[in-house]
Amino acid sequence: MTTDALDVLDPAGETVPFQGDRVEVRPLTIGQLPRFVRTARPVIDTVLKLGEGAEESLVETVVDLLASDGEALYEAVAVATGLPAERVAEAQLDEFLTLAQAVVRVNRDFFVRRLAPLLARARVEAGSGAGPTPSSSSSSAATA
């Protein structure tokens, strides 16, 4: 069994320093997803645009997100880590960046490889008008 196959069975987490403690950042659970997605919509869109291998621009992106959607960003990190939002909000910038980067790294596979294609497919299906088109409806009515 490969390491990737094992990650599917038990996805790897990452432990990072945060305010004098060690915080284990694990992949999001299904129970965390609804609140995380609601809270982090602008963050998710930005992370999806980064794609793989964009670790260098991640810090700049997180700082930009703090300026535009700071509350959403720290609340999303709180949801993802299980830490109280107030504690995350009290962090120093370098501590927060370390924690936020870990959340992105640990969950990037899910967002980029699994969620992005599902969202793209849903957009295409919604835009394609998955029901009968007016012309097909009228032509089937004419033949009936």
N, C-alpha and C. Protein backbone atom coordinates (compact mmCIF):
# COMPACT_ATOMS: atom_id res chain seq x y z
N MET A 1 0.85 -1.17 0.00
CA MET A 1 0.00 0.00 0.00
C MET A 1 0.90 1.23 0.00
N THR A 2 0.59 2.21 -0.84
CA THR A 2 1.41 3.41 -0.94
C THR A 2 1.08 4.39 0.18
N THR A 3 1.96 5.39 0.35
CA THR A 3 1.72 6.42 1.35
C THR A 3 0.44 7.17 1.04
N ASP A 4 0.19 7.47 -0.27
CA ASP A 4 -1.04 8.17 -0.63
C ASP A 4 -2.27 7.36 -0.24
N ALA A 5 -2.22 6.05 -0.44
CA ALA A 5 -3.34 5.19 -0.06
C ALA A 5 -3.54 5.21 1.45
N LEU A 6 -2.46 5.24 2.20
CA LEU A 6 -2.57 5.31 3.65
C LEU A 6 -3.15 6.65 4.09
N ASP A 7 -2.80 7.73 3.38
CA ASP A 7 -3.35 9.04 3.71
C ASP A 7 -4.86 9.07 3.56
N VAL A 8 -5.38 8.29 2.63
CA VAL A 8 -6.83 8.24 2.46
C VAL A 8 -7.45 7.57 3.67
N LEU A 9 -6.80 6.52 4.19
CA LEU A 9 -7.32 5.83 5.37
C LEU A 9 -7.16 6.67 6.63
N ASP A 10 -6.03 7.33 6.78
CA ASP A 10 -5.75 8.16 7.94
C ASP A 10 -4.98 9.38 7.45
N PRO A 11 -5.69 10.41 7.00
CA PRO A 11 -5.01 11.57 6.44
C PRO A 11 -4.02 12.17 7.42
N ALA A 12 -2.88 12.54 6.89
CA ALA A 12 -1.81 13.10 7.72
C ALA A 12 -2.19 14.49 8.21
N GLY A 13 -1.85 14.73 9.44
CA GLY A 13 -2.02 16.06 10.01
C GLY A 13 -0.66 16.70 10.16
N GLU A 14 -0.63 17.80 10.86
CA GLU A 14 0.61 18.53 11.07
C GLU A 14 0.50 19.21 12.43
N THR A 15 1.56 19.17 13.20
CA THR A 15 1.58 19.83 14.50
C THR A 15 2.44 21.08 14.38
N VAL A 16 1.87 22.21 14.82
CA VAL A 16 2.57 23.49 14.71
C VAL A 16 2.56 24.22 16.05
N PRO A 17 3.58 25.05 16.30
CA PRO A 17 3.57 25.84 17.53
C PRO A 17 2.54 26.97 17.43
N PHE A 18 1.86 27.22 18.55
CA PHE A 18 0.88 28.30 18.58
C PHE A 18 0.70 28.75 20.02
N GLN A 19 1.07 29.99 20.29
CA GLN A 19 0.93 30.61 21.61
C GLN A 19 1.48 29.73 22.73
N GLY A 20 2.66 29.20 22.52
CA GLY A 20 3.33 28.40 23.54
C GLY A 20 2.87 26.96 23.61
N ASP A 21 1.89 26.57 22.81
CA ASP A 21 1.40 25.19 22.77
C ASP A 21 1.77 24.57 21.43
N ARG A 22 1.46 23.31 21.29
CA ARG A 22 1.57 22.61 20.01
C ARG A 22 0.14 22.28 19.60
N VAL A 23 -0.26 22.73 18.42
CA VAL A 23 -1.62 22.50 17.92
C VAL A 23 -1.55 21.51 16.77
N GLU A 24 -2.36 20.46 16.88
CA GLU A 24 -2.42 19.48 15.80
C GLU A 24 -3.49 19.93 14.80
N VAL A 25 -3.06 20.13 13.57
CA VAL A 25 -3.97 20.51 12.50
C VAL A 25 -4.25 19.26 11.69
N ARG A 26 -5.49 18.85 11.67
CA ARG A 26 -5.92 17.64 10.96
C ARG A 26 -6.80 18.04 9.79
N PRO A 27 -6.95 17.16 8.83
CA PRO A 27 -7.90 17.45 7.75
C PRO A 27 -9.30 17.70 8.31
N LEU A 28 -10.03 18.57 7.66
CA LEU A 28 -11.38 18.89 8.09
C LEU A 28 -12.26 17.64 8.09
N THR A 29 -13.12 17.57 9.07
CA THR A 29 -14.08 16.47 9.12
C THR A 29 -15.37 16.91 8.44
N ILE A 30 -16.22 15.97 8.13
CA ILE A 30 -17.49 16.29 7.51
C ILE A 30 -18.32 17.20 8.42
N GLY A 31 -18.19 17.04 9.72
CA GLY A 31 -18.92 17.88 10.66
C GLY A 31 -18.44 19.32 10.69
N GLN A 32 -17.16 19.54 10.35
CA GLN A 32 -16.61 20.90 10.33
C GLN A 32 -16.90 21.62 9.01
N LEU A 33 -17.12 20.87 7.95
CA LEU A 33 -17.22 21.46 6.62
C LEU A 33 -18.31 22.52 6.45
N PRO A 34 -19.56 22.29 6.88
CA PRO A 34 -20.57 23.32 6.62
C PRO A 34 -20.20 24.68 7.21
N ARG A 35 -19.81 24.69 8.47
CA ARG A 35 -19.44 25.97 9.11
C ARG A 35 -18.18 26.55 8.50
N PHE A 36 -17.20 25.68 8.21
CA PHE A 36 -15.96 26.16 7.61
C PHE A 36 -16.22 26.80 6.25
N VAL A 37 -17.00 26.14 5.41
CA VAL A 37 -17.27 26.66 4.07
C VAL A 37 -18.06 27.97 4.15
N ARG A 38 -19.07 28.03 5.03
CA ARG A 38 -19.83 29.28 5.19
C ARG A 38 -18.92 30.42 5.64
N THR A 39 -18.05 30.13 6.58
CA THR A 39 -17.17 31.15 7.14
C THR A 39 -16.08 31.55 6.17
N ALA A 40 -15.57 30.58 5.45
CA ALA A 40 -14.34 30.80 4.68
C ALA A 40 -14.54 30.91 3.17
N ARG A 41 -15.73 31.20 2.70
CA ARG A 41 -15.98 31.24 1.25
C ARG A 41 -14.92 32.06 0.50
N PRO A 42 -14.62 33.31 0.89
CA PRO A 42 -13.60 34.06 0.13
C PRO A 42 -12.21 33.44 0.25
N VAL A 43 -11.93 32.84 1.38
CA VAL A 43 -10.63 32.20 1.60
C VAL A 43 -10.51 30.97 0.70
N ILE A 44 -11.55 30.18 0.64
CA ILE A 44 -11.54 28.97 -0.19
C ILE A 44 -11.33 29.32 -1.64
N ASP A 45 -12.05 30.33 -2.12
CA ASP A 45 -11.89 30.74 -3.53
C ASP A 45 -10.45 31.13 -3.82
N THR A 46 -9.82 31.85 -2.90
CA THR A 46 -8.44 32.27 -3.09
C THR A 46 -7.49 31.09 -3.05
N VAL A 47 -7.68 30.18 -2.12
CA VAL A 47 -6.80 29.00 -2.01
C VAL A 47 -6.93 28.14 -3.26
N LEU A 48 -8.14 27.98 -3.77
CA LEU A 48 -8.32 27.19 -4.98
C LEU A 48 -7.59 27.81 -6.17
N LYS A 49 -7.55 29.12 -6.22
CA LYS A 49 -6.84 29.81 -7.30
C LYS A 49 -5.33 29.63 -7.20
N LEU A 50 -4.82 29.42 -5.97
CA LEU A 50 -3.38 29.26 -5.78
C LEU A 50 -2.88 27.98 -6.44
N GLY A 51 -3.67 26.91 -6.33
CA GLY A 51 -3.24 25.63 -6.89
C GLY A 51 -2.07 25.07 -6.12
N GLU A 52 -1.45 24.06 -6.69
CA GLU A 52 -0.33 23.40 -6.03
C GLU A 52 0.96 24.16 -6.29
N GLY A 53 1.92 24.00 -5.38
CA GLY A 53 3.23 24.60 -5.55
C GLY A 53 3.25 26.10 -5.35
N ALA A 54 2.24 26.65 -4.69
CA ALA A 54 2.17 28.10 -4.52
C ALA A 54 2.47 28.50 -3.08
N GLU A 55 3.26 27.69 -2.40
CA GLU A 55 3.55 27.94 -0.99
C GLU A 55 4.20 29.31 -0.78
N GLU A 56 5.02 29.75 -1.74
CA GLU A 56 5.70 31.04 -1.59
C GLU A 56 4.70 32.19 -1.54
N SER A 57 3.65 32.13 -2.32
CA SER A 57 2.69 33.22 -2.36
C SER A 57 1.62 33.09 -1.28
N LEU A 58 1.64 32.00 -0.53
CA LEU A 58 0.62 31.77 0.48
C LEU A 58 0.66 32.83 1.58
N VAL A 59 1.83 33.19 2.06
CA VAL A 59 1.93 34.19 3.13
C VAL A 59 1.36 35.52 2.64
N GLU A 60 1.74 35.93 1.44
CA GLU A 60 1.22 37.18 0.89
C GLU A 60 -0.30 37.11 0.73
N THR A 61 -0.79 35.97 0.29
CA THR A 61 -2.23 35.79 0.11
C THR A 61 -2.95 35.86 1.44
N VAL A 62 -2.41 35.23 2.47
CA VAL A 62 -3.04 35.25 3.80
C VAL A 62 -3.06 36.68 4.33
N VAL A 63 -1.98 37.43 4.15
CA VAL A 63 -1.95 38.82 4.61
C VAL A 63 -3.00 39.64 3.86
N ASP A 64 -3.12 39.43 2.55
CA ASP A 64 -4.16 40.13 1.77
C ASP A 64 -5.55 39.76 2.27
N LEU A 65 -5.76 38.47 2.56
CA LEU A 65 -7.05 38.03 3.08
C LEU A 65 -7.35 38.62 4.45
N LEU A 66 -6.32 38.78 5.28
CA LEU A 66 -6.51 39.41 6.59
C LEU A 66 -7.03 40.84 6.41
N ALA A 67 -6.50 41.53 5.41
CA ALA A 67 -6.92 42.90 5.17
C ALA A 67 -8.37 42.97 4.67
N SER A 68 -8.74 42.04 3.80
CA SER A 68 -10.08 42.11 3.20
C SER A 68 -11.13 41.30 3.95
N ASP A 69 -10.75 40.15 4.49
CA ASP A 69 -11.70 39.24 5.15
C ASP A 69 -11.11 38.67 6.42
N GLY A 70 -10.52 39.51 7.25
CA GLY A 70 -9.80 39.06 8.43
C GLY A 70 -10.62 38.22 9.38
N GLU A 71 -11.83 38.69 9.70
CA GLU A 71 -12.67 37.95 10.65
C GLU A 71 -13.02 36.57 10.09
N ALA A 72 -13.36 36.51 8.82
CA ALA A 72 -13.69 35.21 8.20
C ALA A 72 -12.48 34.29 8.24
N LEU A 73 -11.31 34.85 8.00
CA LEU A 73 -10.10 34.04 7.96
C LEU A 73 -9.78 33.45 9.33
N TYR A 74 -9.77 34.27 10.38
CA TYR A 74 -9.41 33.69 11.68
C TYR A 74 -10.52 32.80 12.21
N GLU A 75 -11.78 33.08 11.88
CA GLU A 75 -12.86 32.18 12.30
C GLU A 75 -12.76 30.84 11.57
N ALA A 76 -12.39 30.87 10.29
CA ALA A 76 -12.22 29.62 9.53
C ALA A 76 -11.08 28.79 10.11
N VAL A 77 -9.98 29.45 10.47
CA VAL A 77 -8.85 28.74 11.08
C VAL A 77 -9.28 28.16 12.42
N ALA A 78 -10.09 28.90 13.17
CA ALA A 78 -10.59 28.38 14.45
C ALA A 78 -11.44 27.14 14.23
N VAL A 79 -12.33 27.17 13.25
CA VAL A 79 -13.17 26.00 12.96
C VAL A 79 -12.28 24.82 12.57
N ALA A 80 -11.30 25.07 11.71
CA ALA A 80 -10.45 23.98 11.20
C ALA A 80 -9.57 23.37 12.29
N THR A 81 -9.20 24.14 13.29
CA THR A 81 -8.29 23.64 14.33
C THR A 81 -9.00 23.26 15.62
N GLY A 82 -10.24 23.69 15.78
CA GLY A 82 -10.96 23.43 17.02
C GLY A 82 -10.61 24.40 18.13
N LEU A 83 -9.79 25.40 17.82
CA LEU A 83 -9.45 26.42 18.81
C LEU A 83 -10.57 27.45 18.90
N PRO A 84 -10.74 28.08 20.06
CA PRO A 84 -11.73 29.17 20.16
C PRO A 84 -11.32 30.33 19.23
N ALA A 85 -12.29 30.92 18.55
CA ALA A 85 -12.02 32.03 17.63
C ALA A 85 -11.33 33.19 18.35
N GLU A 86 -11.70 33.42 19.60
CA GLU A 86 -11.09 34.51 20.37
C GLU A 86 -9.59 34.28 20.54
N ARG A 87 -9.22 33.03 20.77
CA ARG A 87 -7.80 32.72 20.95
C ARG A 87 -7.03 32.92 19.64
N VAL A 88 -7.62 32.50 18.55
CA VAL A 88 -6.96 32.68 17.25
C VAL A 88 -6.83 34.18 16.96
N ALA A 89 -7.87 34.95 17.27
CA ALA A 89 -7.85 36.39 17.02
C ALA A 89 -6.79 37.11 17.85
N GLU A 90 -6.42 36.55 19.00
CA GLU A 90 -5.43 37.18 19.87
C GLU A 90 -3.99 36.86 19.47
N ALA A 91 -3.81 36.01 18.47
CA ALA A 91 -2.47 35.56 18.08
C ALA A 91 -1.66 36.69 17.46
N GLN A 92 -0.35 36.54 17.58
CA GLN A 92 0.56 37.41 16.85
C GLN A 92 0.51 37.00 15.38
N LEU A 93 0.84 37.92 14.49
CA LEU A 93 0.74 37.65 13.05
C LEU A 93 1.55 36.43 12.64
N ASP A 94 2.79 36.31 13.14
CA ASP A 94 3.61 35.17 12.74
C ASP A 94 3.02 33.84 13.22
N GLU A 95 2.44 33.84 14.43
CA GLU A 95 1.80 32.62 14.93
C GLU A 95 0.58 32.26 14.09
N PHE A 96 -0.20 33.29 13.77
CA PHE A 96 -1.39 33.05 12.96
C PHE A 96 -1.02 32.53 11.58
N LEU A 97 -0.01 33.13 10.96
CA LEU A 97 0.41 32.69 9.63
C LEU A 97 0.87 31.23 9.65
N THR A 98 1.60 30.86 10.68
CA THR A 98 2.05 29.47 10.80
C THR A 98 0.85 28.53 10.89
N LEU A 99 -0.13 28.89 11.69
CA LEU A 99 -1.33 28.07 11.86
C LEU A 99 -2.16 28.03 10.58
N ALA A 100 -2.38 29.18 9.97
CA ALA A 100 -3.18 29.24 8.74
C ALA A 100 -2.51 28.46 7.61
N GLN A 101 -1.20 28.58 7.50
CA GLN A 101 -0.49 27.81 6.47
C GLN A 101 -0.66 26.32 6.68
N ALA A 102 -0.63 25.88 7.93
CA ALA A 102 -0.80 24.45 8.21
C ALA A 102 -2.20 24.00 7.82
N VAL A 103 -3.22 24.81 8.10
CA VAL A 103 -4.59 24.46 7.73
C VAL A 103 -4.68 24.30 6.21
N VAL A 104 -4.08 25.22 5.48
CA VAL A 104 -4.11 25.14 4.01
C VAL A 104 -3.36 23.92 3.52
N ARG A 105 -2.15 23.70 4.05
CA ARG A 105 -1.35 22.55 3.59
C ARG A 105 -2.06 21.23 3.85
N VAL A 106 -2.60 21.08 5.05
CA VAL A 106 -3.23 19.82 5.44
C VAL A 106 -4.51 19.56 4.63
N ASN A 107 -5.21 20.63 4.23
CA ASN A 107 -6.48 20.47 3.53
C ASN A 107 -6.42 20.79 2.04
N ARG A 108 -5.27 21.17 1.52
CA ARG A 108 -5.17 21.57 0.11
C ARG A 108 -5.61 20.46 -0.83
N ASP A 109 -5.21 19.23 -0.55
CA ASP A 109 -5.59 18.11 -1.42
C ASP A 109 -7.11 18.03 -1.54
N PHE A 110 -7.79 18.15 -0.42
CA PHE A 110 -9.24 18.09 -0.45
C PHE A 110 -9.82 19.22 -1.29
N PHE A 111 -9.36 20.44 -1.06
CA PHE A 111 -9.92 21.58 -1.78
C PHE A 111 -9.56 21.59 -3.26
N VAL A 112 -8.30 21.33 -3.57
CA VAL A 112 -7.85 21.46 -4.95
C VAL A 112 -8.22 20.24 -5.79
N ARG A 113 -8.01 19.06 -5.25
CA ARG A 113 -8.22 17.86 -6.07
C ARG A 113 -9.63 17.30 -5.99
N ARG A 114 -10.33 17.56 -4.89
CA ARG A 114 -11.65 16.96 -4.75
C ARG A 114 -12.78 17.98 -4.82
N LEU A 115 -12.69 19.06 -4.02
CA LEU A 115 -13.78 20.02 -3.97
C LEU A 115 -13.85 20.88 -5.22
N ALA A 116 -12.73 21.35 -5.72
CA ALA A 116 -12.73 22.23 -6.90
C ALA A 116 -13.40 21.56 -8.09
N PRO A 117 -13.06 20.31 -8.44
CA PRO A 117 -13.77 19.68 -9.57
C PRO A 117 -15.27 19.52 -9.33
N LEU A 118 -15.65 19.22 -8.09
CA LEU A 118 -17.08 19.09 -7.79
C LEU A 118 -17.80 20.42 -7.95
N LEU A 119 -17.18 21.50 -7.46
CA LEU A 119 -17.79 22.83 -7.59
C LEU A 119 -17.87 23.24 -9.05
N ALA A 120 -16.80 22.98 -9.81
CA ALA A 120 -16.80 23.32 -11.23
C ALA A 120 -17.90 22.55 -11.97
N ARG A 121 -18.03 21.28 -11.68
CA ARG A 121 -19.06 20.46 -12.31
C ARG A 121 -20.45 20.98 -11.95
N ALA A 122 -20.65 21.36 -10.69
CA ALA A 122 -21.95 21.88 -10.25
C ALA A 122 -22.27 23.19 -10.97
N ARG A 123 -21.26 24.04 -11.16
CA ARG A 123 -21.48 25.30 -11.89
C ARG A 123 -21.87 25.04 -13.33
N VAL A 124 -21.19 24.09 -13.96
CA VAL A 124 -21.49 23.76 -15.36
C VAL A 124 -22.91 23.21 -15.47
N GLU A 125 -23.28 22.30 -14.57
CA GLU A 125 -24.62 21.72 -14.60
C GLU A 125 -25.68 22.77 -14.34
N ALA A 126 -25.41 23.69 -13.41
CA ALA A 126 -26.37 24.74 -13.11
C ALA A 126 -26.51 25.70 -14.30
N GLY A 127 -25.40 25.97 -14.96
CA GLY A 127 -25.42 26.88 -16.11
C GLY A 127 -25.98 26.24 -17.36
N SER A 128 -25.98 24.91 -17.42
CA SER A 128 -26.45 24.24 -18.63
C SER A 128 -27.95 24.06 -18.63
N GLY A 129 -28.63 24.40 -17.54
CA GLY A 129 -30.07 24.23 -17.49
C GLY A 129 -30.44 22.77 -17.61
N ALA A 130 -30.18 22.02 -16.58
CA ALA A 130 -30.29 20.57 -16.60
C ALA A 130 -31.67 20.04 -16.97
N GLY A 131 -32.65 20.87 -17.16
CA GLY A 131 -33.97 20.40 -17.56
C GLY A 131 -34.16 20.56 -19.06
N PRO A 132 -35.37 20.31 -19.54
CA PRO A 132 -35.61 20.47 -20.97
C PRO A 132 -35.53 21.93 -21.37
N THR A 133 -34.98 22.18 -22.53
CA THR A 133 -34.89 23.55 -23.04
C THR A 133 -36.23 23.92 -23.65
N PRO A 134 -36.51 25.22 -23.79
CA PRO A 134 -37.80 25.61 -24.36
C PRO A 134 -38.00 25.00 -25.75
N SER A 135 -36.95 24.93 -26.54
CA SER A 135 -37.12 24.38 -27.89
C SER A 135 -37.41 22.89 -27.86
N SER A 136 -36.77 22.14 -26.92
CA SER A 136 -37.05 20.71 -26.85
C SER A 136 -38.43 20.46 -26.26
N SER A 137 -38.89 21.32 -25.35
CA SER A 137 -40.22 21.16 -24.78
C SER A 137 -41.28 21.40 -25.83
N SER A 138 -41.12 22.45 -26.62
CA SER A 138 -42.13 22.76 -27.62
C SER A 138 -42.13 21.73 -28.74
N SER A 139 -40.95 21.18 -29.08
CA SER A 139 -40.93 20.19 -30.14
C SER A 139 -41.54 18.89 -29.66
N SER A 140 -41.35 18.53 -28.38
CA SER A 140 -41.98 17.30 -27.91
C SER A 140 -43.48 17.50 -27.74
N ALA A 141 -43.92 18.71 -27.45
CA ALA A 141 -45.35 18.98 -27.34
C ALA A 141 -45.99 18.92 -28.72
N ALA A 142 -45.25 19.37 -29.74
CA ALA A 142 -45.79 19.36 -31.09
C ALA A 142 -45.93 17.95 -31.61
N THR A 143 -45.05 17.03 -31.17
CA THR A 143 -45.11 15.67 -31.66
C THR A 143 -46.12 14.83 -30.89
N ALA A 144 -46.57 15.32 -29.74
CA ALA A 144 -47.49 14.54 -28.89
C ALA A 144 -48.90 14.56 -29.41
